[in-house]
Protein backbone atom coordinates (compact mmCIF):
# COMPACT_ATOMS: atom_id res chain seq x y z
CA MET A 1 108.26 91.72 109.72
CA SER A 2 107.75 94.42 111.61
CA SER A 3 105.10 97.81 111.65
CA GLU A 4 107.82 100.73 110.66
CA SER A 5 108.64 98.60 107.59
CA ILE A 6 104.61 98.65 105.84
CA ARG A 7 104.47 100.88 103.54
CA HIS A 8 101.42 100.84 102.06
CA HIS A 9 97.92 100.98 104.39
CA PRO A 10 94.21 100.87 103.62
CA GLY A 11 93.00 104.67 103.06
CA ASP A 12 90.35 105.74 105.91
CA ASP A 13 87.54 105.14 104.04
CA LEU A 14 88.35 101.09 104.05
CA LEU A 15 89.12 101.28 107.54
CA LEU A 16 85.87 103.39 108.41
CA ALA A 17 83.69 100.47 106.78
CA LEU A 18 85.62 98.55 108.38
CA ALA A 19 84.85 100.04 111.82
CA ALA A 20 81.30 100.43 110.93
CA GLY A 21 80.56 96.96 109.77
CA GLN A 22 79.81 97.74 106.30
CA LEU A 23 81.96 95.88 104.62
CA PRO A 24 81.19 92.61 102.65
CA THR A 25 82.64 90.03 104.36
CA ALA A 26 85.39 89.09 101.93
CA PRO A 27 87.27 92.50 102.03
CA ALA A 28 86.35 92.49 105.20
CA LEU A 29 88.50 89.45 105.81
CA VAL A 30 91.96 90.44 103.94
CA LEU A 31 91.86 93.94 105.63
CA SER A 32 91.13 92.75 109.21
CA ALA A 33 94.26 90.61 108.10
CA HIS A 34 96.44 94.02 107.53
CA VAL A 35 95.10 95.53 110.21
CA GLU A 36 96.53 92.64 113.18
CA GLY A 37 100.06 93.10 111.94
CA CYS A 38 99.52 97.37 111.40
CA ALA A 39 100.17 98.90 114.50
CA HIS A 40 99.39 101.77 112.61
CA CYS A 41 96.44 101.09 110.85
CA ARG A 42 95.16 99.67 114.58
CA GLU A 43 95.63 103.06 116.57
CA GLN A 44 93.86 104.39 113.01
CA LEU A 45 90.61 102.16 113.56
CA ARG A 46 91.15 102.93 116.83
CA LEU A 47 89.83 106.36 116.46
CA LEU A 48 87.20 105.67 113.68
CA GLU A 49 85.74 103.52 116.55
CA THR A 50 86.37 106.03 118.84
CA ALA A 51 84.34 108.72 116.90
CA GLY A 52 82.23 106.54 116.27
CA GLY A 53 81.41 105.65 119.11
CA ALA A 54 80.98 109.54 120.16
CA LEU A 55 78.21 110.01 117.43
CA LEU A 56 76.48 107.25 118.64
CA GLN A 57 76.18 108.84 122.01
CA GLN A 58 74.02 111.49 120.32
CA LEU A 59 71.30 108.96 118.79
CA PRO A 60 68.10 108.90 121.01
CA PRO A 61 68.65 106.39 123.39
CA ALA A 62 67.03 102.47 122.89
CA GLU A 63 65.72 100.41 125.89
CA LEU A 64 68.24 97.50 126.74
CA HIS A 65 68.36 94.17 127.11
CA ALA A 66 68.15 93.28 131.24
CA ASP A 67 71.69 91.45 131.25
CA ALA A 68 73.35 94.33 128.88
CA LEU A 69 75.34 95.24 131.99
CA ALA A 70 76.31 92.05 133.07
CA ARG A 71 77.22 91.13 130.07
CA ALA A 72 79.33 94.30 129.40
CA LEU A 73 81.11 93.70 131.98
CA ALA A 74 82.05 90.54 131.27
CA ALA A 75 83.40 91.24 128.13
CA ILE A 76 85.52 93.93 129.57
CA ASP A 77 87.07 91.21 132.16
CA ALA A 78 87.65 88.91 129.93
CA PRO A 79 91.27 89.02 128.87
CA PRO A 80 92.62 89.66 125.32
CA PRO A 81 93.21 86.39 123.51
CA ALA A 82 96.29 85.33 123.10
CA PRO A 83 97.75 86.17 119.56
CA THR A 84 98.92 82.39 118.43
CA PRO A 85 99.38 81.06 114.91
CA VAL A 86 96.88 79.63 112.64
CA PRO A 87 97.82 75.63 111.81
CA VAL A 88 97.03 75.63 108.37
CA ARG A 89 97.97 72.52 105.96
CA GLY A 90 99.80 72.65 103.09
CA LEU A 91 101.10 76.42 103.23
CA PRO A 92 104.93 76.77 102.60
CA PRO A 93 106.82 78.22 105.10
CA LEU A 94 106.68 81.60 106.30
CA PRO A 95 109.80 83.50 107.81
CA ALA A 96 110.94 82.86 110.92
CA GLY A 97 108.88 84.49 113.24
CA ALA A 98 105.70 85.46 111.22
CA HIS A 99 102.52 83.21 111.01
CA TRP A 100 99.60 83.38 109.09
CA PRO A 101 96.89 86.25 109.99
CA ARG A 102 94.31 84.96 112.59
CA ALA A 103 91.77 86.16 110.73
CA LEU A 104 92.07 83.40 108.81
CA ALA A 105 91.13 80.78 112.15
CA GLY A 106 87.75 79.17 111.14
CA CYS A 107 88.31 79.29 107.21
CA ARG A 108 88.76 76.44 105.35
CA ILE A 109 91.64 76.68 102.76
CA THR A 110 91.62 74.16 99.63
CA ARG A 111 95.03 72.26 98.67
CA TRP A 112 97.36 74.13 95.86
CA ARG A 113 96.07 73.85 92.38
CA TRP A 114 97.88 74.76 89.65
CA MET A 115 97.58 77.90 88.25
CA ALA A 116 100.30 78.26 85.41
CA PRO A 117 103.72 77.00 85.13
CA GLY A 118 105.83 78.60 88.47
CA MET A 119 101.90 79.63 89.64
CA ARG A 120 99.32 78.10 91.82
CA TYR A 121 96.24 79.16 94.16
CA ALA A 122 94.41 77.98 96.62
CA ARG A 123 90.60 79.09 97.76
CA VAL A 124 89.71 80.50 100.81
CA ARG A 125 86.42 79.14 102.56
CA VAL A 126 84.78 81.45 104.98
CA PRO A 127 82.45 79.54 107.07
CA ARG A 128 79.87 82.44 107.61
CA ASP A 129 79.57 83.63 103.85
CA PRO A 130 80.51 80.82 100.98
CA SER A 131 79.82 83.39 98.26
CA ALA A 132 82.77 84.72 99.54
CA ASN A 133 85.52 85.40 96.80
CA VAL A 134 88.63 84.56 99.29
CA VAL A 135 92.45 83.54 97.00
CA LEU A 136 95.57 82.43 98.56
CA LEU A 137 98.16 83.35 95.24
CA ARG A 138 101.98 81.61 95.43
CA ILE A 139 103.89 82.61 92.70
CA ALA A 140 107.64 82.17 92.34
CA ALA A 141 110.73 84.54 91.78
CA GLY A 142 110.34 86.23 88.42
CA MET A 143 106.74 85.15 87.72
CA TYR A 144 103.65 87.42 86.95
CA LEU A 145 100.66 87.83 86.40
CA ALA A 146 99.15 88.89 83.06
CA GLN A 147 98.37 92.14 82.57
CA HIS A 148 95.38 93.05 84.18
CA THR A 149 92.26 95.39 84.92
CA HIS A 150 89.57 94.85 87.53
CA SER A 151 85.62 95.07 86.56
CA ASP A 152 85.13 95.96 91.14
CA ARG A 153 86.87 95.73 93.64
CA GLU A 154 89.93 93.44 94.43
CA LEU A 155 91.97 93.86 98.08
CA THR A 156 95.32 92.04 98.49
CA GLN A 157 97.28 91.91 101.62
CA VAL A 158 100.84 90.94 100.99
CA LEU A 159 102.00 87.67 103.64
CA HIS A 160 105.10 86.69 102.48
CA GLY A 161 107.51 87.34 99.56
CA SER A 162 107.11 91.44 97.17
CA PHE A 163 106.00 92.43 94.14
CA HIS A 164 106.19 95.00 91.93
CA ASP A 165 102.63 96.52 89.71
CA GLY A 166 104.15 98.92 87.86
CA ARG A 167 103.12 102.31 90.12
CA ALA A 168 105.21 100.71 93.40
CA HIS A 169 106.43 98.06 95.36
CA PHE A 170 104.73 95.76 97.65
CA SER A 171 106.67 93.85 100.92
CA ALA A 172 105.30 91.94 103.38
CA GLY A 173 102.71 93.37 105.36
CA ASP A 174 101.43 96.60 102.91
CA PHE A 175 98.53 96.48 101.46
CA ASP A 176 97.38 96.94 98.23
CA ALA A 177 93.43 98.09 96.79
CA ALA A 178 92.85 98.11 92.91
CA ASP A 179 89.69 99.36 91.09
CA THR A 180 88.80 99.81 87.67
CA GLN A 181 90.77 102.63 87.65
CA VAL A 182 94.26 100.38 88.02
CA HIS A 183 96.00 98.27 85.54
CA HIS A 184 99.08 96.91 85.88
CA GLN A 185 101.03 93.65 86.14
CA PRO A 186 102.30 92.63 89.37
CA VAL A 187 105.68 90.84 88.83
CA VAL A 188 107.17 89.26 92.06
CA GLN A 189 110.58 89.85 92.46
CA ALA A 190 114.39 88.04 92.98
CA GLY A 191 115.21 85.99 96.62
CA SER A 192 111.43 84.28 97.36
CA GLU A 193 108.69 83.41 96.18
CA CYS A 194 105.19 85.28 96.73
CA VAL A 195 102.34 84.29 98.95
CA CYS A 196 99.49 87.13 98.67
CA LEU A 197 95.98 86.89 100.87
CA ALA A 198 93.11 88.39 98.12
CA SER A 199 89.58 89.44 98.02
CA ILE A 200 88.15 89.45 94.50
CA GLU A 201 85.03 91.79 93.85
CA GLY A 202 83.57 91.13 90.17
CA ARG A 203 86.39 89.67 88.09
CA LEU A 204 90.24 90.37 86.76
CA GLU A 205 89.85 91.75 83.42
CA PHE A 206 93.28 90.42 81.43
CA ASP A 207 94.77 91.70 78.17
CA GLY A 208 95.30 88.32 76.65
CA TRP A 209 92.43 85.55 75.71
CA PHE A 210 94.10 83.25 77.08
CA ALA A 211 94.45 84.94 80.29
CA ARG A 212 91.21 84.99 80.58
CA ARG A 213 90.29 82.24 79.99
CA LEU A 214 92.31 80.68 82.86
CA GLY A 215 90.97 83.88 84.72
CA ALA A 216 87.64 82.43 84.38
CA LEU A 217 88.41 78.82 85.16
CA VAL A 218 90.09 79.75 88.83
CA GLY A 219 87.45 82.00 89.74
CA MET A 220 89.40 85.49 89.05
């Protein structure tokens, strides 16, 4: 997967909220997973952070800690961390050259659990925020989630494979934001299973009674 192949990106409102530290833990995790693999969004985030820094310069000065300068210089001189794969057990292999997002480092991921025929899910436990609702979905080619809308916001990062939900085609690296205005049915495309990282605020509101019960059991 290359940055050039990514067709769906988060809006500037989400990137601005990430730059300002205003996103809750779960959506910030999924958005960070997208940004680390997307050169376009990294540049957008850099520009927004630069603009935010310019605005901060217009604020009245505040007293700093005595070692503030030394700490800032040490941070500047420190080498950037190497982009190493995150060791996560029990997940399906990604294509050659791809790896799990570094944003997952430090998280605890449960084993794959049965959700429906051809569908599995795993919970992502974020140590700094136990209430964060983050899941990994692993769905076989040709399978689909039941038709649904959302009571709040859902952010999805495609890690492997692809799906089409009636609005657009989403492939590895693509990002999708859905809310109460979106009513869709993601269908995994032929050729490979699809693995997605998703943050769910509120609940998915499935059309059918059985799907609603299943979603409640899964925590979706």
